[in-house]
Amino acid sequence: MSEFPQLVTQLLRAVIAYTWFFETCDETVLDDDTALKQQEYVAHLLDQLSDADKQRVVDELATLAASETDPTYREFVETFAFSMGLTESADS
């Protein structure tokens, strides 16, 4: 993945954005059960990554969070790795 750093960053931004949508959308927009299933599917797909690739995602998330200006979204990005099961603690 290191051969295409911008590709990885943009794809990760897309995954985060869609996961944010599933997390924050109103149930009049999307059924809560469907939103949860989609988030669980994202976690499942990320779990298929190698340990090295998971670490790359965690590192990239830290970079993205540091540059995020919206405090609520920044917190979401900061806790994304833990929420998706990529790390064992929210501080990792």
PDB file of N, CA and C in Angstrom:
ATOM      1  N   MET A   1       0.810  -1.199   0.000  1.00  0.00           N
ATOM      2  CA  MET A   1       0.000   0.000   0.000  1.00  0.00           C
ATOM      3  C   MET A   1       0.853   1.262   0.000  1.00  0.00           C
ATOM      4  N   SER A   2       2.090   1.170   0.412  1.00  0.00           N
ATOM      5  CA  SER A   2       2.917   2.362   0.496  1.00  0.00           C
ATOM      6  C   SER A   2       3.266   2.929  -0.874  1.00  0.00           C
ATOM      7  N   GLU A   3       3.041   2.164  -1.929  1.00  0.00           N
ATOM      8  CA  GLU A   3       3.325   2.654  -3.270  1.00  0.00           C
ATOM      9  C   GLU A   3       2.326   3.728  -3.704  1.00  0.00           C
ATOM     10  N   PHE A   4       1.155   3.759  -3.074  1.00  0.00           N
ATOM     11  CA  PHE A   4       0.086   4.672  -3.469  1.00  0.00           C
ATOM     12  C   PHE A   4      -0.461   5.410  -2.247  1.00  0.00           C
ATOM     13  N   PRO A   5       0.352   6.261  -1.617  1.00  0.00           N
ATOM     14  CA  PRO A   5      -0.094   6.883  -0.367  1.00  0.00           C
ATOM     15  C   PRO A   5      -1.344   7.746  -0.521  1.00  0.00           C
ATOM     16  N   GLN A   6      -1.470   8.490  -1.612  1.00  0.00           N
ATOM     17  CA  GLN A   6      -2.645   9.339  -1.786  1.00  0.00           C
ATOM     18  C   GLN A   6      -3.889   8.484  -2.002  1.00  0.00           C
ATOM     19  N   LEU A   7      -3.754   7.390  -2.714  1.00  0.00           N
ATOM     20  CA  LEU A   7      -4.876   6.480  -2.934  1.00  0.00           C
ATOM     21  C   LEU A   7      -5.379   5.936  -1.601  1.00  0.00           C
ATOM     22  N   VAL A   8      -4.458   5.477  -0.762  1.00  0.00           N
ATOM     23  CA  VAL A   8      -4.826   4.932   0.546  1.00  0.00           C
ATOM     24  C   VAL A   8      -5.531   5.996   1.377  1.00  0.00           C
ATOM     25  N   THR A   9      -4.984   7.198   1.391  1.00  0.00           N
ATOM     26  CA  THR A   9      -5.574   8.286   2.169  1.00  0.00           C
ATOM     27  C   THR A   9      -6.983   8.601   1.697  1.00  0.00           C
ATOM     28  N   GLN A  10      -7.171   8.725   0.404  1.00  0.00           N
ATOM     29  CA  GLN A  10      -8.493   9.061  -0.128  1.00  0.00           C
ATOM     30  C   GLN A  10      -9.503   7.940   0.112  1.00  0.00           C
ATOM     31  N   LEU A  11      -9.084   6.694  -0.065  1.00  0.00           N
ATOM     32  CA  LEU A  11      -9.993   5.575   0.204  1.00  0.00           C
ATOM     33  C   LEU A  11     -10.370   5.525   1.679  1.00  0.00           C
ATOM     34  N   LEU A  12      -9.414   5.776   2.551  1.00  0.00           N
ATOM     35  CA  LEU A  12      -9.709   5.789   3.979  1.00  0.00           C
ATOM     36  C   LEU A  12     -10.660   6.931   4.322  1.00  0.00           C
ATOM     37  N   ARG A  13     -10.458   8.087   3.713  1.00  0.00           N
ATOM     38  CA  ARG A  13     -11.393   9.205   3.927  1.00  0.00           C
ATOM     39  C   ARG A  13     -12.808   8.822   3.501  1.00  0.00           C
ATOM     40  N   ALA A  14     -12.925   8.113   2.392  1.00  0.00           N
ATOM     41  CA  ALA A  14     -14.247   7.672   1.925  1.00  0.00           C
ATOM     42  C   ALA A  14     -14.875   6.695   2.913  1.00  0.00           C
ATOM     43  N   VAL A  15     -14.093   5.751   3.405  1.00  0.00           N
ATOM     44  CA  VAL A  15     -14.607   4.783   4.382  1.00  0.00           C
ATOM     45  C   VAL A  15     -15.067   5.503   5.645  1.00  0.00           C
ATOM     46  N   ILE A  16     -14.267   6.438   6.125  1.00  0.00           N
ATOM     47  CA  ILE A  16     -14.632   7.188   7.327  1.00  0.00           C
ATOM     48  C   ILE A  16     -15.899   7.999   7.085  1.00  0.00           C
ATOM     49  N   ALA A  17     -15.987   8.660   5.945  1.00  0.00           N
ATOM     50  CA  ALA A  17     -17.158   9.489   5.643  1.00  0.00           C
ATOM     51  C   ALA A  17     -18.437   8.664   5.603  1.00  0.00           C
ATOM     52  N   TYR A  18     -18.382   7.522   4.952  1.00  0.00           N
ATOM     53  CA  TYR A  18     -19.579   6.683   4.887  1.00  0.00           C
ATOM     54  C   TYR A  18     -19.912   6.090   6.247  1.00  0.00           C
ATOM     55  N   THR A  19     -18.906   5.729   7.010  1.00  0.00           N
ATOM     56  CA  THR A  19     -19.156   5.213   8.351  1.00  0.00           C
ATOM     57  C   THR A  19     -19.739   6.309   9.238  1.00  0.00           C
ATOM     58  N   TRP A  20     -19.254   7.529   9.089  1.00  0.00           N
ATOM     59  CA  TRP A  20     -19.805   8.687   9.813  1.00  0.00           C
ATOM     60  C   TRP A  20     -21.282   8.865   9.451  1.00  0.00           C
ATOM     61  N   PHE A  21     -21.591   8.739   8.177  1.00  0.00           N
ATOM     62  CA  PHE A  21     -22.983   8.837   7.737  1.00  0.00           C
ATOM     63  C   PHE A  21     -23.837   7.787   8.436  1.00  0.00           C
ATOM     64  N   PHE A  22     -23.380   6.533   8.441  1.00  0.00           N
ATOM     65  CA  PHE A  22     -24.145   5.462   9.086  1.00  0.00           C
ATOM     66  C   PHE A  22     -24.296   5.721  10.580  1.00  0.00           C
ATOM     67  N   GLU A  23     -23.285   6.316  11.181  1.00  0.00           N
ATOM     68  CA  GLU A  23     -23.304   6.595  12.621  1.00  0.00           C
ATOM     69  C   GLU A  23     -24.254   7.739  12.966  1.00  0.00           C
ATOM     70  N   THR A  24     -24.344   8.729  12.110  1.00  0.00           N
ATOM     71  CA  THR A  24     -25.045   9.959  12.483  1.00  0.00           C
ATOM     72  C   THR A  24     -26.377  10.189  11.784  1.00  0.00           C
ATOM     73  N   CYS A  25     -26.691   9.405  10.775  1.00  0.00           N
ATOM     74  CA  CYS A  25     -27.931   9.680  10.048  1.00  0.00           C
ATOM     75  C   CYS A  25     -29.150   9.342  10.905  1.00  0.00           C
ATOM     76  N   ASP A  26     -30.189  10.072  10.662  1.00  0.00           N
ATOM     77  CA  ASP A  26     -31.456   9.897  11.360  1.00  0.00           C
ATOM     78  C   ASP A  26     -32.154   8.646  10.840  1.00  0.00           C
ATOM     79  N   GLU A  27     -32.932   7.994  11.687  1.00  0.00           N
ATOM     80  CA  GLU A  27     -33.595   6.764  11.246  1.00  0.00           C
ATOM     81  C   GLU A  27     -34.674   7.030  10.199  1.00  0.00           C
ATOM     82  N   THR A  28     -35.042   8.295   9.996  1.00  0.00           N
ATOM     83  CA  THR A  28     -35.950   8.600   8.890  1.00  0.00           C
ATOM     84  C   THR A  28     -35.207   8.531   7.551  1.00  0.00           C
ATOM     85  N   VAL A  29     -33.892   8.624   7.608  1.00  0.00           N
ATOM     86  CA  VAL A  29     -33.062   8.527   6.408  1.00  0.00           C
ATOM     87  C   VAL A  29     -32.650   7.085   6.153  1.00  0.00           C
ATOM     88  N   LEU A  30     -32.263   6.392   7.224  1.00  0.00           N
ATOM     89  CA  LEU A  30     -31.785   5.017   7.108  1.00  0.00           C
ATOM     90  C   LEU A  30     -32.123   4.278   8.395  1.00  0.00           C
ATOM     91  N   ASP A  31     -32.716   3.124   8.254  1.00  0.00           N
ATOM     92  CA  ASP A  31     -33.075   2.290   9.392  1.00  0.00           C
ATOM     93  C   ASP A  31     -31.843   2.019  10.259  1.00  0.00           C
ATOM     94  N   ASP A  32     -32.005   2.138  11.581  1.00  0.00           N
ATOM     95  CA  ASP A  32     -30.885   1.935  12.506  1.00  0.00           C
ATOM     96  C   ASP A  32     -30.224   0.569  12.343  1.00  0.00           C
ATOM     97  N   ASP A  33     -31.026  -0.477  12.139  1.00  0.00           N
ATOM     98  CA  ASP A  33     -30.463  -1.821  11.976  1.00  0.00           C
ATOM     99  C   ASP A  33     -29.605  -1.918  10.718  1.00  0.00           C
ATOM    100  N   THR A  34     -30.058  -1.287   9.656  1.00  0.00           N
ATOM    101  CA  THR A  34     -29.293  -1.286   8.410  1.00  0.00           C
ATOM    102  C   THR A  34     -27.985  -0.524   8.591  1.00  0.00           C
ATOM    103  N   ALA A  35     -28.047   0.622   9.251  1.00  0.00           N
ATOM    104  CA  ALA A  35     -26.836   1.404   9.504  1.00  0.00           C
ATOM    105  C   ALA A  35     -25.837   0.592  10.321  1.00  0.00           C
ATOM    106  N   LEU A  36     -26.320  -0.084  11.350  1.00  0.00           N
ATOM    107  CA  LEU A  36     -25.442  -0.899  12.186  1.00  0.00           C
ATOM    108  C   LEU A  36     -24.825  -2.046  11.392  1.00  0.00           C
ATOM    109  N   LYS A  37     -25.613  -2.690  10.561  1.00  0.00           N
ATOM    110  CA  LYS A  37     -25.087  -3.785   9.732  1.00  0.00           C
ATOM    111  C   LYS A  37     -23.985  -3.285   8.804  1.00  0.00           C
ATOM    112  N   GLN A  38     -24.165  -2.108   8.249  1.00  0.00           N
ATOM    113  CA  GLN A  38     -23.148  -1.552   7.357  1.00  0.00           C
ATOM    114  C   GLN A  38     -21.863  -1.239   8.117  1.00  0.00           C
ATOM    115  N   GLN A  39     -21.994  -0.699   9.322  1.00  0.00           N
ATOM    116  CA  GLN A  39     -20.811  -0.421  10.134  1.00  0.00           C
ATOM    117  C   GLN A  39     -20.091  -1.719  10.504  1.00  0.00           C
ATOM    118  N   GLU A  40     -20.857  -2.733  10.844  1.00  0.00           N
ATOM    119  CA  GLU A  40     -20.258  -4.027  11.170  1.00  0.00           C
ATOM    120  C   GLU A  40     -19.550  -4.623   9.954  1.00  0.00           C
ATOM    121  N   TYR A  41     -20.109  -4.397   8.778  1.00  0.00           N
ATOM    122  CA  TYR A  41     -19.475  -4.903   7.561  1.00  0.00           C
ATOM    123  C   TYR A  41     -18.146  -4.190   7.303  1.00  0.00           C
ATOM    124  N   VAL A  42     -18.112  -2.890   7.544  1.00  0.00           N
ATOM    125  CA  VAL A  42     -16.856  -2.147   7.411  1.00  0.00           C
ATOM    126  C   VAL A  42     -15.809  -2.733   8.360  1.00  0.00           C
ATOM    127  N   ALA A  43     -16.215  -2.974   9.604  1.00  0.00           N
ATOM    128  CA  ALA A  43     -15.289  -3.557  10.582  1.00  0.00           C
ATOM    129  C   ALA A  43     -14.803  -4.929  10.116  1.00  0.00           C
ATOM    130  N   HIS A  44     -15.700  -5.715   9.566  1.00  0.00           N
ATOM    131  CA  HIS A  44     -15.331  -7.040   9.057  1.00  0.00           C
ATOM    132  C   HIS A  44     -14.301  -6.923   7.930  1.00  0.00           C
ATOM    133  N   LEU A  45     -14.536  -6.027   6.998  1.00  0.00           N
ATOM    134  CA  LEU A  45     -13.595  -5.855   5.885  1.00  0.00           C
ATOM    135  C   LEU A  45     -12.229  -5.384   6.373  1.00  0.00           C
ATOM    136  N   LEU A  46     -12.214  -4.445   7.306  1.00  0.00           N
ATOM    137  CA  LEU A  46     -10.945  -3.958   7.839  1.00  0.00           C
ATOM    138  C   LEU A  46     -10.214  -5.049   8.615  1.00  0.00           C
ATOM    139  N   ASP A  47     -10.966  -5.931   9.234  1.00  0.00           N
ATOM    140  CA  ASP A  47     -10.356  -7.032   9.985  1.00  0.00           C
ATOM    141  C   ASP A  47      -9.617  -8.002   9.066  1.00  0.00           C
ATOM    142  N   GLN A  48      -9.940  -8.002   7.797  1.00  0.00           N
ATOM    143  CA  GLN A  48      -9.291  -8.896   6.834  1.00  0.00           C
ATOM    144  C   GLN A  48      -7.891  -8.425   6.455  1.00  0.00           C
ATOM    145  N   LEU A  49      -7.540  -7.198   6.818  1.00  0.00           N
ATOM    146  CA  LEU A  49      -6.214  -6.665   6.503  1.00  0.00           C
ATOM    147  C   LEU A  49      -5.136  -7.382   7.310  1.00  0.00           C
ATOM    148  N   SER A  50      -3.944  -7.401   6.767  1.00  0.00           N
ATOM    149  CA  SER A  50      -2.801  -7.932   7.517  1.00  0.00           C
ATOM    150  C   SER A  50      -2.511  -6.996   8.693  1.00  0.00           C
ATOM    151  N   ASP A  51      -1.747  -7.479   9.655  1.00  0.00           N
ATOM    152  CA  ASP A  51      -1.389  -6.637  10.799  1.00  0.00           C
ATOM    153  C   ASP A  51      -0.643  -5.384  10.350  1.00  0.00           C
ATOM    154  N   ALA A  52       0.227  -5.529   9.371  1.00  0.00           N
ATOM    155  CA  ALA A  52       0.981  -4.376   8.860  1.00  0.00           C
ATOM    156  C   ALA A  52       0.048  -3.357   8.213  1.00  0.00           C
ATOM    157  N   ASP A  53      -0.927  -3.836   7.452  1.00  0.00           N
ATOM    158  CA  ASP A  53      -1.874  -2.926   6.809  1.00  0.00           C
ATOM    159  C   ASP A  53      -2.792  -2.272   7.839  1.00  0.00           C
ATOM    160  N   LYS A  54      -3.176  -3.024   8.864  1.00  0.00           N
ATOM    161  CA  LYS A  54      -3.975  -2.428   9.947  1.00  0.00           C
ATOM    162  C   LYS A  54      -3.195  -1.301  10.609  1.00  0.00           C
ATOM    163  N   GLN A  55      -1.916  -1.529  10.844  1.00  0.00           N
ATOM    164  CA  GLN A  55      -1.095  -0.484  11.455  1.00  0.00           C
ATOM    165  C   GLN A  55      -0.991   0.720  10.534  1.00  0.00           C
ATOM    166  N   ARG A  56      -0.896   0.491   9.241  1.00  0.00           N
ATOM    167  CA  ARG A  56      -0.865   1.596   8.270  1.00  0.00           C
ATOM    168  C   ARG A  56      -2.145   2.416   8.362  1.00  0.00           C
ATOM    169  N   VAL A  57      -3.287   1.739   8.489  1.00  0.00           N
ATOM    170  CA  VAL A  57      -4.570   2.432   8.628  1.00  0.00           C
ATOM    171  C   VAL A  57      -4.590   3.234   9.927  1.00  0.00           C
ATOM    172  N   VAL A  58      -4.145   2.634  11.017  1.00  0.00           N
ATOM    173  CA  VAL A  58      -4.109   3.326  12.311  1.00  0.00           C
ATOM    174  C   VAL A  58      -3.231   4.574  12.222  1.00  0.00           C
ATOM    175  N   ASP A  59      -2.075   4.451  11.607  1.00  0.00           N
ATOM    176  CA  ASP A  59      -1.172   5.598  11.448  1.00  0.00           C
ATOM    177  C   ASP A  59      -1.811   6.690  10.594  1.00  0.00           C
ATOM    178  N   GLU A  60      -2.453   6.286   9.522  1.00  0.00           N
ATOM    179  CA  GLU A  60      -3.104   7.256   8.635  1.00  0.00           C
ATOM    180  C   GLU A  60      -4.269   7.937   9.347  1.00  0.00           C
ATOM    181  N   LEU A  61      -4.998   7.190  10.157  1.00  0.00           N
ATOM    182  CA  LEU A  61      -6.097   7.775  10.936  1.00  0.00           C
ATOM    183  C   LEU A  61      -5.578   8.859  11.879  1.00  0.00           C
ATOM    184  N   ALA A  62      -4.439   8.613  12.502  1.00  0.00           N
ATOM    185  CA  ALA A  62      -3.851   9.611  13.400  1.00  0.00           C
ATOM    186  C   ALA A  62      -3.517  10.890  12.641  1.00  0.00           C
ATOM    187  N   THR A  63      -2.980  10.739  11.445  1.00  0.00           N
ATOM    188  CA  THR A  63      -2.653  11.899  10.617  1.00  0.00           C
ATOM    189  C   THR A  63      -3.917  12.656  10.217  1.00  0.00           C
ATOM    190  N   LEU A  64      -4.935  11.920   9.796  1.00  0.00           N
ATOM    191  CA  LEU A  64      -6.195  12.556   9.403  1.00  0.00           C
ATOM    192  C   LEU A  64      -6.847  13.263  10.583  1.00  0.00           C
ATOM    193  N   ALA A  65      -6.840  12.630  11.742  1.00  0.00           N
ATOM    194  CA  ALA A  65      -7.450  13.237  12.931  1.00  0.00           C
ATOM    195  C   ALA A  65      -6.729  14.528  13.308  1.00  0.00           C
ATOM    196  N   ALA A  66      -5.419  14.517  13.215  1.00  0.00           N
ATOM    197  CA  ALA A  66      -4.635  15.697  13.583  1.00  0.00           C
ATOM    198  C   ALA A  66      -4.934  16.892  12.687  1.00  0.00           C
ATOM    199  N   SER A  67      -5.326  16.630  11.454  1.00  0.00           N
ATOM    200  CA  SER A  67      -5.598  17.729  10.521  1.00  0.00           C
ATOM    201  C   SER A  67      -7.073  18.120  10.479  1.00  0.00           C
ATOM    202  N   GLU A  68      -7.910  17.407  11.198  1.00  0.00           N
ATOM    203  CA  GLU A  68      -9.356  17.674  11.175  1.00  0.00           C
ATOM    204  C   GLU A  68      -9.687  18.877  12.058  1.00  0.00           C
ATOM    205  N   THR A  69     -10.471  19.814  11.519  1.00  0.00           N
ATOM    206  CA  THR A  69     -10.807  21.027  12.263  1.00  0.00           C
ATOM    207  C   THR A  69     -12.131  20.925  13.022  1.00  0.00           C
ATOM    208  N   ASP A  70     -13.033  20.071  12.585  1.00  0.00           N
ATOM    209  CA  ASP A  70     -14.310  19.896  13.283  1.00  0.00           C
ATOM    210  C   ASP A  70     -14.080  18.983  14.491  1.00  0.00           C
ATOM    211  N   PRO A  71     -14.301  19.480  15.714  1.00  0.00           N
ATOM    212  CA  PRO A  71     -13.993  18.691  16.905  1.00  0.00           C
ATOM    213  C   PRO A  71     -14.773  17.378  17.002  1.00  0.00           C
ATOM    214  N   THR A  72     -16.020  17.384  16.606  1.00  0.00           N
ATOM    215  CA  THR A  72     -16.838  16.175  16.687  1.00  0.00           C
ATOM    216  C   THR A  72     -16.348  15.132  15.695  1.00  0.00           C
ATOM    217  N   TYR A  73     -16.089  15.566  14.478  1.00  0.00           N
ATOM    218  CA  TYR A  73     -15.594  14.640  13.456  1.00  0.00           C
ATOM    219  C   TYR A  73     -14.190  14.160  13.806  1.00  0.00           C
ATOM    220  N   ARG A  74     -13.354  15.062  14.358  1.00  0.00           N
ATOM    221  CA  ARG A  74     -12.005  14.674  14.767  1.00  0.00           C
ATOM    222  C   ARG A  74     -12.067  13.564  15.819  1.00  0.00           C
ATOM    223  N   GLU A  75     -12.963  13.694  16.787  1.00  0.00           N
ATOM    224  CA  GLU A  75     -13.107  12.652  17.808  1.00  0.00           C
ATOM    225  C   GLU A  75     -13.538  11.328  17.174  1.00  0.00           C
ATOM    226  N   PHE A  76     -14.433  11.405  16.190  1.00  0.00           N
ATOM    227  CA  PHE A  76     -14.867  10.200  15.487  1.00  0.00           C
ATOM    228  C   PHE A  76     -13.680   9.526  14.798  1.00  0.00           C
ATOM    229  N   VAL A  77     -12.857  10.319  14.127  1.00  0.00           N
ATOM    230  CA  VAL A  77     -11.683   9.774  13.432  1.00  0.00           C
ATOM    231  C   VAL A  77     -10.681   9.213  14.444  1.00  0.00           C
ATOM    232  N   GLU A  78     -10.508   9.920  15.567  1.00  0.00           N
ATOM    233  CA  GLU A  78      -9.572   9.456  16.597  1.00  0.00           C
ATOM    234  C   GLU A  78      -9.979   8.107  17.185  1.00  0.00           C
ATOM    235  N   THR A  79     -11.265   7.847  17.276  1.00  0.00           N
ATOM    236  CA  THR A  79     -11.748   6.598  17.883  1.00  0.00           C
ATOM    237  C   THR A  79     -12.123   5.542  16.838  1.00  0.00           C
ATOM    238  N   PHE A  80     -11.960   5.865  15.569  1.00  0.00           N
ATOM    239  CA  PHE A  80     -12.367   4.969  14.491  1.00  0.00           C
ATOM    240  C   PHE A  80     -11.658   3.616  14.573  1.00  0.00           C
ATOM    241  N   ALA A  81     -10.354   3.623  14.777  1.00  0.00           N
ATOM    242  CA  ALA A  81      -9.593   2.365  14.810  1.00  0.00           C
ATOM    243  C   ALA A  81     -10.109   1.452  15.916  1.00  0.00           C
ATOM    244  N   PHE A  82     -10.358   2.003  17.077  1.00  0.00           N
ATOM    245  CA  PHE A  82     -10.882   1.207  18.187  1.00  0.00           C
ATOM    246  C   PHE A  82     -12.298   0.731  17.882  1.00  0.00           C
ATOM    247  N   SER A  83     -13.130   1.618  17.370  1.00  0.00           N
ATOM    248  CA  SER A  83     -14.521   1.265  17.055  1.00  0.00           C
ATOM    249  C   SER A  83     -14.615   0.159  16.020  1.00  0.00           C
ATOM    250  N   MET A  84     -13.664   0.121  15.110  1.00  0.00           N
ATOM    251  CA  MET A  84     -13.667  -0.886  14.054  1.00  0.00           C
ATOM    252  C   MET A  84     -12.863  -2.130  14.421  1.00  0.00           C
ATOM    253  N   GLY A  85     -12.331  -2.166  15.636  1.00  0.00           N
ATOM    254  CA  GLY A  85     -11.608  -3.346  16.095  1.00  0.00           C
ATOM    255  C   GLY A  85     -10.172  -3.448  15.610  1.00  0.00           C
ATOM    256  N   LEU A  86      -9.620  -2.344  15.133  1.00  0.00           N
ATOM    257  CA  LEU A  86      -8.234  -2.365  14.652  1.00  0.00           C
ATOM    258  C   LEU A  86      -7.227  -2.262  15.789  1.00  0.00           C
ATOM    259  N   THR A  87      -7.662  -1.691  16.915  1.00  0.00           N
ATOM    260  CA  THR A  87      -6.815  -1.572  18.100  1.00  0.00           C
ATOM    261  C   THR A  87      -7.591  -2.077  19.305  1.00  0.00           C
ATOM    262  N   GLU A  88      -6.859  -2.421  20.358  1.00  0.00           N
ATOM    263  CA  GLU A  88      -7.503  -2.945  21.556  1.00  0.00           C
ATOM    264  C   GLU A  88      -7.906  -1.859  22.536  1.00  0.00           C
ATOM    265  N   SER A  89      -7.395  -0.648  22.341  1.00  0.00           N
ATOM    266  CA  SER A  89      -7.795   0.460  23.203  1.00  0.00           C
ATOM    267  C   SER A  89      -7.975   1.708  22.357  1.00  0.00           C
ATOM    268  N   ALA A  90      -8.773   2.626  22.881  1.00  0.00           N
ATOM    269  CA  ALA A  90      -9.036   3.865  22.150  1.00  0.00           C
ATOM    270  C   ALA A  90      -7.801   4.753  22.100  1.00  0.00           C
ATOM    271  N   ASP A  91      -6.816   4.489  22.958  1.00  0.00           N
ATOM    272  CA  ASP A  91      -5.603   5.306  23.004  1.00  0.00           C
ATOM    273  C   ASP A  91      -4.531   4.857  22.027  1.00  0.00           C
ATOM    274  N   SER A  92      -4.746   3.740  21.356  1.00  0.00           N
ATOM    275  CA  SER A  92      -3.714   3.201  20.448  1.00  0.00           C
ATOM    276  C   SER A  92      -3.630   3.979  19.166  1.00  0.00           C
TER     277      SER A  92
END
